[in-house]
Amino acid sequence: MSELFGIIPPMTTPFDAAGEFEPGKVKAQVDWMVAAGAHGLAAGGSTGEGHTLDHEEYRDLIAGTCEASAGRIPVIAGIITDSTRDSIKRGKAVRDMGVAALQVTPVHYLFRPTDDAMVDHFRAMADETGVPIIIYNVVPWTYLSPALLCRIFEEIPGVVGVKQSAGDLKLFADLMLDAPADRKIFSAVDALMYPSFTLGGHGAIAAILSAVPHASVQLWDAVKAGDHTTALKLHAGLLRLWNAMFADNLPACTKYAQGLQGIPAGLPRAPMPPASAEQQAAVRKALLGLEVKLVA
């Protein structure tokens, strides 16, 4: 877990026009992220449309990502299911691939577990898989408060961090204030990477990083160097890009941004629509504003 810090892009998953997973396109994205200076990778998360993957596709995606990374940077395996049983099943399927951690999303269907049931869910995940757990705190109706997250940290040593999402920097700041010092707090407040880093966040796992890993690494480095003039300029460009990308088809917009930079990201899996003409124009303009070199 000491290796997990900084810019950890949540990769997109390449699908063809028929919605079939294209494992041969995974390596190009991994190599691109490594060359950009990313400190880690996450696969199978929401940006990667992990909720649409069947068990075999999921296993192949994580295996391909780990193989392509070849130990250059750590890999986090995302898990998005609706039962403890299935979450454990996925964790066990990838635990021997060398993943650094499992990024586990609380249930995303309609019903919310009680706090005690939520604690039991993550305890079972940690105990049964033996792999460090990062909670992906994103689902609105099963959102975990800073108090509940701190309870989980205290009761379950195997839960080593949280990816704090939902766009609320106040909740991120509260968690930074109250979480044990040995736990990792990663930001997924995509619009506000700059303040997340200045608040002391241990890094980020957020879609914006997958669209522009180079600029994201530059922002991280600038904050760490105390160069806030550069950091603020990068923040403005990243915020404009986020405003262009943020929509219900965010993974599709992320893929479009990657494609403009020569990455074979493929199409979103139906029923998610591709980026619209309006979204494409806005994303292209924002990338040019960040001085990103486009090849398409």
Protein backbone atom coordinates (compact mmCIF):
# COMPACT_ATOMS: atom_id res chain seq x y z
CA MET A 1 0.00 0.00 0.00
CA SER A 2 2.94 2.36 0.48
CA GLU A 3 3.27 2.30 -3.31
CA LEU A 4 -0.23 3.70 -3.81
CA PHE A 5 -0.15 7.47 -4.10
CA GLY A 6 -0.47 10.27 -6.60
CA ILE A 7 -2.09 10.00 -10.00
CA ILE A 8 -3.90 6.67 -10.45
CA PRO A 9 -6.04 6.88 -13.61
CA PRO A 10 -9.12 4.63 -13.72
CA MET A 11 -8.72 3.08 -17.15
CA THR A 12 -11.47 2.82 -19.71
CA THR A 13 -12.38 -0.62 -21.07
CA PRO A 14 -12.28 -0.97 -24.87
CA PHE A 15 -15.43 -2.35 -26.52
CA ASP A 16 -16.10 -2.74 -30.24
CA ALA A 17 -19.24 -1.62 -32.10
CA ALA A 18 -21.01 -4.83 -31.06
CA GLY A 19 -20.18 -4.21 -27.40
CA GLU A 20 -17.57 -6.96 -27.20
CA PHE A 21 -14.52 -6.52 -24.98
CA GLU A 22 -11.30 -6.02 -26.95
CA PRO A 23 -8.48 -7.23 -24.68
CA GLY A 24 -5.83 -6.54 -27.32
CA LYS A 25 -6.31 -2.79 -26.86
CA VAL A 26 -5.58 -2.74 -23.13
CA LYS A 27 -1.78 -2.60 -23.40
CA ALA A 28 -1.71 0.60 -25.47
CA GLN A 29 -3.59 2.45 -22.75
CA VAL A 30 -1.40 1.03 -19.98
CA ASP A 31 1.78 2.05 -21.82
CA TRP A 32 0.34 5.54 -22.38
CA MET A 33 -0.42 5.97 -18.69
CA VAL A 34 3.03 4.74 -17.67
CA ALA A 35 4.72 7.07 -20.17
CA ALA A 36 2.68 9.99 -18.79
CA GLY A 37 4.18 9.36 -15.35
CA ALA A 38 1.10 7.91 -13.68
CA HIS A 39 1.85 6.43 -10.26
CA GLY A 40 -0.65 3.57 -10.56
CA LEU A 41 -3.62 2.24 -12.52
CA ALA A 42 -7.16 1.22 -11.65
CA ALA A 43 -9.12 -1.13 -13.90
CA GLY A 44 -12.72 -2.30 -13.82
CA GLY A 45 -14.11 0.76 -12.06
CA SER A 46 -17.01 2.96 -13.11
CA THR A 47 -14.95 4.84 -15.73
CA GLY A 48 -14.06 1.37 -17.02
CA GLU A 49 -17.76 0.41 -17.14
CA GLY A 50 -16.98 -2.36 -14.66
CA HIS A 51 -20.66 -2.71 -13.81
CA THR A 52 -21.23 -4.10 -17.33
CA LEU A 53 -18.49 -6.77 -17.24
CA ASP A 54 -19.28 -10.42 -16.74
CA HIS A 55 -17.00 -12.52 -14.55
CA GLU A 56 -14.80 -13.81 -17.38
CA GLU A 57 -14.40 -10.37 -18.97
CA TYR A 58 -13.53 -8.89 -15.60
CA ARG A 59 -10.87 -11.50 -14.92
CA ASP A 60 -9.39 -11.05 -18.40
CA LEU A 61 -9.32 -7.26 -18.03
CA ILE A 62 -7.45 -7.35 -14.73
CA ALA A 63 -5.07 -10.03 -16.00
CA GLY A 64 -4.34 -8.02 -19.15
CA THR A 65 -3.78 -4.84 -17.17
CA CYS A 66 -1.39 -6.51 -14.73
CA GLU A 67 0.47 -8.22 -17.57
CA ALA A 68 0.83 -4.97 -19.50
CA SER A 69 1.94 -3.07 -16.40
CA ALA A 70 4.61 -5.71 -15.79
CA GLY A 71 5.32 -4.34 -12.33
CA ARG A 72 6.16 -0.84 -13.58
CA ILE A 73 3.34 0.70 -11.53
CA PRO A 74 0.80 -0.90 -9.17
CA VAL A 75 -2.64 -1.99 -10.36
CA ILE A 76 -5.89 -1.64 -8.41
CA ALA A 77 -8.77 -3.94 -9.37
CA GLY A 78 -12.22 -2.36 -9.22
CA ILE A 79 -15.18 -4.41 -8.03
CA ILE A 80 -18.76 -3.28 -8.69
CA THR A 81 -21.34 -5.88 -7.67
CA ASP A 82 -24.51 -6.00 -5.58
CA SER A 83 -23.73 -8.75 -3.08
CA THR A 84 -20.98 -9.69 -0.67
CA ARG A 85 -20.82 -13.13 -2.29
CA ASP A 86 -20.14 -11.78 -5.77
CA SER A 87 -17.67 -9.16 -4.52
CA ILE A 88 -15.66 -11.88 -2.77
CA LYS A 89 -15.85 -14.08 -5.86
CA ARG A 90 -14.33 -11.33 -8.01
CA GLY A 91 -11.69 -10.51 -5.43
CA LYS A 92 -10.59 -14.12 -5.22
CA ALA A 93 -10.46 -14.34 -9.02
CA VAL A 94 -7.78 -11.62 -9.25
CA ARG A 95 -5.92 -11.77 -5.95
CA ASP A 96 -3.10 -13.91 -7.36
CA MET A 97 -2.48 -11.55 -10.29
CA GLY A 98 -0.37 -9.19 -8.22
CA VAL A 99 -2.97 -6.45 -7.70
CA ALA A 100 -2.03 -3.92 -5.02
CA ALA A 101 -5.59 -3.48 -3.76
CA LEU A 102 -9.26 -4.01 -4.51
CA GLN A 103 -11.38 -0.90 -5.09
CA VAL A 104 -14.79 -1.99 -3.81
CA THR A 105 -17.99 -0.08 -4.54
CA PRO A 106 -20.89 -0.42 -2.09
CA VAL A 107 -24.05 -1.93 -3.58
CA HIS A 108 -25.43 0.24 -6.38
CA TYR A 109 -28.93 -1.16 -6.75
CA LEU A 110 -31.90 0.35 -4.92
CA PHE A 111 -31.59 -1.06 -1.42
CA ARG A 112 -29.21 0.26 1.23
CA PRO A 113 -27.62 -1.99 3.85
CA THR A 114 -27.63 -0.82 7.48
CA ASP A 115 -24.36 0.58 8.80
CA ASP A 116 -23.68 -2.70 10.61
CA ALA A 117 -24.33 -4.68 7.42
CA MET A 118 -22.02 -2.34 5.50
CA VAL A 119 -19.26 -2.94 8.04
CA ASP A 120 -19.82 -6.69 7.79
CA HIS A 121 -19.63 -6.48 3.99
CA PHE A 122 -16.19 -4.91 3.99
CA ARG A 123 -14.99 -7.12 6.83
CA ALA A 124 -15.92 -10.21 4.82
CA MET A 125 -14.22 -8.80 1.73
CA ALA A 126 -10.98 -8.18 3.61
CA ASP A 127 -11.04 -11.50 5.47
CA GLU A 128 -11.98 -13.70 2.51
CA THR A 129 -9.72 -12.17 -0.16
CA GLY A 130 -6.69 -11.24 1.93
CA VAL A 131 -6.15 -8.23 -0.38
CA PRO A 132 -6.10 -4.59 0.87
CA ILE A 133 -9.45 -2.88 0.33
CA ILE A 134 -10.06 0.67 -0.88
CA ILE A 135 -13.70 1.72 -0.53
CA TYR A 136 -15.05 3.53 -3.60
CA ASN A 137 -17.47 5.92 -1.92
CA VAL A 138 -19.70 7.00 -4.80
CA VAL A 139 -23.21 5.51 -4.74
CA PRO A 140 -25.64 8.25 -3.56
CA TRP A 141 -28.10 6.01 -1.70
CA THR A 142 -25.37 3.94 -0.06
CA TYR A 143 -22.98 6.83 0.57
CA LEU A 144 -20.74 6.26 3.57
CA SER A 145 -20.35 9.22 5.93
CA PRO A 146 -16.91 10.18 7.25
CA ALA A 147 -18.01 8.80 10.63
CA LEU A 148 -18.93 5.41 9.16
CA LEU A 149 -15.72 5.28 7.12
CA CYS A 150 -13.68 6.00 10.24
CA ARG A 151 -15.57 3.23 12.07
CA ILE A 152 -14.68 0.82 9.27
CA PHE A 153 -11.04 1.91 9.43
CA GLU A 154 -10.99 1.27 13.18
CA GLU A 155 -12.69 -2.15 13.02
CA ILE A 156 -11.21 -3.58 9.81
CA PRO A 157 -7.42 -3.28 9.37
CA GLY A 158 -7.73 -4.70 5.86
CA VAL A 159 -9.59 -1.58 4.68
CA VAL A 160 -6.66 0.66 3.94
CA GLY A 161 -8.21 3.63 2.19
CA VAL A 162 -11.12 5.28 0.45
CA LYS A 163 -11.75 6.86 -2.91
CA GLN A 164 -13.95 9.79 -1.95
CA SER A 165 -16.30 10.83 -4.72
CA ALA A 166 -19.62 12.62 -5.32
CA GLY A 167 -18.15 16.07 -5.87
CA ASP A 168 -18.30 17.24 -2.25
CA LEU A 169 -14.98 18.74 -1.18
CA LYS A 170 -16.33 19.37 2.35
CA LEU A 171 -16.80 15.62 2.90
CA PHE A 172 -13.31 15.03 1.51
CA ALA A 173 -11.90 17.62 3.93
CA ASP A 174 -13.80 16.10 6.86
CA LEU A 175 -12.41 12.68 6.04
CA MET A 176 -8.87 14.05 5.76
CA LEU A 177 -9.35 15.62 9.19
CA ASP A 178 -10.69 12.55 11.01
CA ALA A 179 -9.30 9.45 9.27
CA PRO A 180 -6.39 7.59 10.88
CA ALA A 181 -3.03 8.82 9.63
CA ASP A 182 -2.14 5.42 8.20
CA ARG A 183 -5.13 5.28 5.84
CA LYS A 184 -5.00 6.56 2.25
CA ILE A 185 -7.57 9.11 1.11
CA PHE A 186 -7.84 9.43 -2.68
CA SER A 187 -9.88 12.15 -4.34
CA ALA A 188 -12.47 11.51 -7.02
CA VAL A 189 -13.74 15.08 -6.84
CA ASP A 190 -12.73 15.52 -10.48
CA ALA A 191 -13.52 19.23 -10.71
CA LEU A 192 -11.32 20.02 -7.73
CA MET A 193 -8.10 18.04 -7.99
CA TYR A 194 -6.02 21.10 -7.09
CA PRO A 195 -7.66 21.79 -3.70
CA SER A 196 -7.83 18.04 -3.01
CA PHE A 197 -4.06 17.85 -3.31
CA THR A 198 -3.47 21.01 -1.28
CA LEU A 199 -5.65 19.55 1.50
CA GLY A 200 -3.16 16.72 1.75
CA GLY A 201 -4.96 14.06 -0.28
CA HIS A 202 -2.75 11.06 -0.91
CA GLY A 203 -3.63 11.14 -4.59
CA ALA A 204 -6.55 10.72 -6.95
CA ILE A 205 -8.43 7.99 -8.77
CA ALA A 206 -10.73 9.96 -11.05
CA ALA A 207 -11.96 9.96 -14.65
CA ILE A 208 -10.31 13.30 -15.46
CA LEU A 209 -6.93 11.62 -14.94
CA SER A 210 -7.70 9.05 -17.62
CA ALA A 211 -8.62 11.76 -20.12
CA VAL A 212 -5.41 13.76 -19.57
CA PRO A 213 -2.83 11.82 -17.53
CA HIS A 214 0.07 14.09 -18.54
CA ALA A 215 -1.61 17.29 -17.31
CA SER A 216 -2.80 15.49 -14.17
CA VAL A 217 0.74 14.40 -13.30
CA GLN A 218 1.94 17.95 -13.95
CA LEU A 219 -0.67 19.25 -11.50
CA TRP A 220 0.38 16.75 -8.82
CA ASP A 221 4.05 17.64 -9.31
CA ALA A 222 3.33 21.37 -9.20
CA VAL A 223 1.42 21.14 -5.91
CA LYS A 224 4.15 18.98 -4.39
CA ALA A 225 6.76 21.52 -5.50
CA GLY A 226 4.75 24.43 -4.09
CA ASP A 227 4.38 25.93 -7.58
CA HIS A 228 0.86 27.23 -7.17
CA THR A 229 1.00 29.55 -10.16
CA THR A 230 1.44 26.54 -12.45
CA ALA A 231 -1.02 24.47 -10.42
CA LEU A 232 -3.76 27.11 -10.63
CA LYS A 233 -3.32 27.40 -14.40
CA LEU A 234 -3.59 23.64 -14.78
CA HIS A 235 -6.62 23.58 -12.50
CA ALA A 236 -8.42 26.07 -14.74
CA GLY A 237 -7.75 23.95 -17.82
CA LEU A 238 -8.75 20.72 -16.10
CA LEU A 239 -11.95 22.28 -14.80
CA ARG A 240 -12.93 23.38 -18.31
CA LEU A 241 -12.30 19.84 -19.54
CA TRP A 242 -14.34 18.37 -16.69
CA ASN A 243 -17.23 20.71 -17.48
CA ALA A 244 -17.10 19.43 -21.07
CA MET A 245 -16.95 15.75 -20.05
CA PHE A 246 -19.26 15.51 -17.06
CA ALA A 247 -22.50 13.82 -18.08
CA ASP A 248 -24.34 10.54 -17.71
CA ASN A 249 -22.10 9.16 -20.48
CA LEU A 250 -18.87 10.23 -18.77
CA PRO A 251 -16.99 7.04 -19.75
CA ALA A 252 -17.87 7.71 -23.40
CA CYS A 253 -16.56 11.27 -23.16
CA THR A 254 -13.39 9.99 -21.50
CA LYS A 255 -12.91 7.51 -24.33
CA TYR A 256 -13.41 10.27 -26.88
CA ALA A 257 -10.71 12.38 -25.20
CA GLN A 258 -8.36 9.40 -25.22
CA GLY A 259 -9.10 8.68 -28.87
CA LEU A 260 -8.18 12.23 -29.84
CA GLN A 261 -4.76 11.49 -28.35
CA GLY A 262 -4.29 8.28 -30.29
CA ILE A 263 -5.42 5.76 -27.68
CA PRO A 264 -7.67 2.96 -29.05
CA ALA A 265 -10.25 3.27 -26.29
CA GLY A 266 -13.11 1.87 -28.34
CA LEU A 267 -16.80 2.63 -27.81
CA PRO A 268 -18.98 2.59 -24.70
CA ARG A 269 -21.06 -0.53 -24.10
CA ALA A 270 -24.76 -0.08 -24.90
CA PRO A 271 -27.04 1.37 -23.75
CA MET A 272 -24.53 4.13 -22.98
CA PRO A 273 -24.36 6.44 -26.02
CA PRO A 274 -21.09 7.74 -27.48
CA ALA A 275 -20.10 11.36 -26.97
CA SER A 276 -22.49 13.64 -28.83
CA ALA A 277 -21.31 16.12 -31.48
CA GLU A 278 -21.70 18.92 -28.92
CA GLN A 279 -19.69 17.00 -26.32
CA GLN A 280 -17.01 16.16 -28.86
CA ALA A 281 -16.56 19.81 -29.81
CA ALA A 282 -16.36 20.89 -26.15
CA VAL A 283 -13.88 18.15 -25.23
CA ARG A 284 -11.67 18.96 -28.21
CA LYS A 285 -11.66 22.66 -27.34
CA ALA A 286 -10.81 21.97 -23.69
CA LEU A 287 -7.95 19.64 -24.64
CA LEU A 288 -6.49 22.31 -26.92
CA GLY A 289 -6.77 24.75 -24.03
CA LEU A 290 -4.60 22.40 -21.99
CA GLU A 291 -2.11 22.34 -24.89
CA VAL A 292 -2.67 18.61 -25.35
CA LYS A 293 -1.29 17.30 -28.64
CA LEU A 294 -4.14 15.79 -30.65
CA VAL A 295 -3.62 13.19 -33.34
CA ALA A 296 -7.24 12.78 -34.42
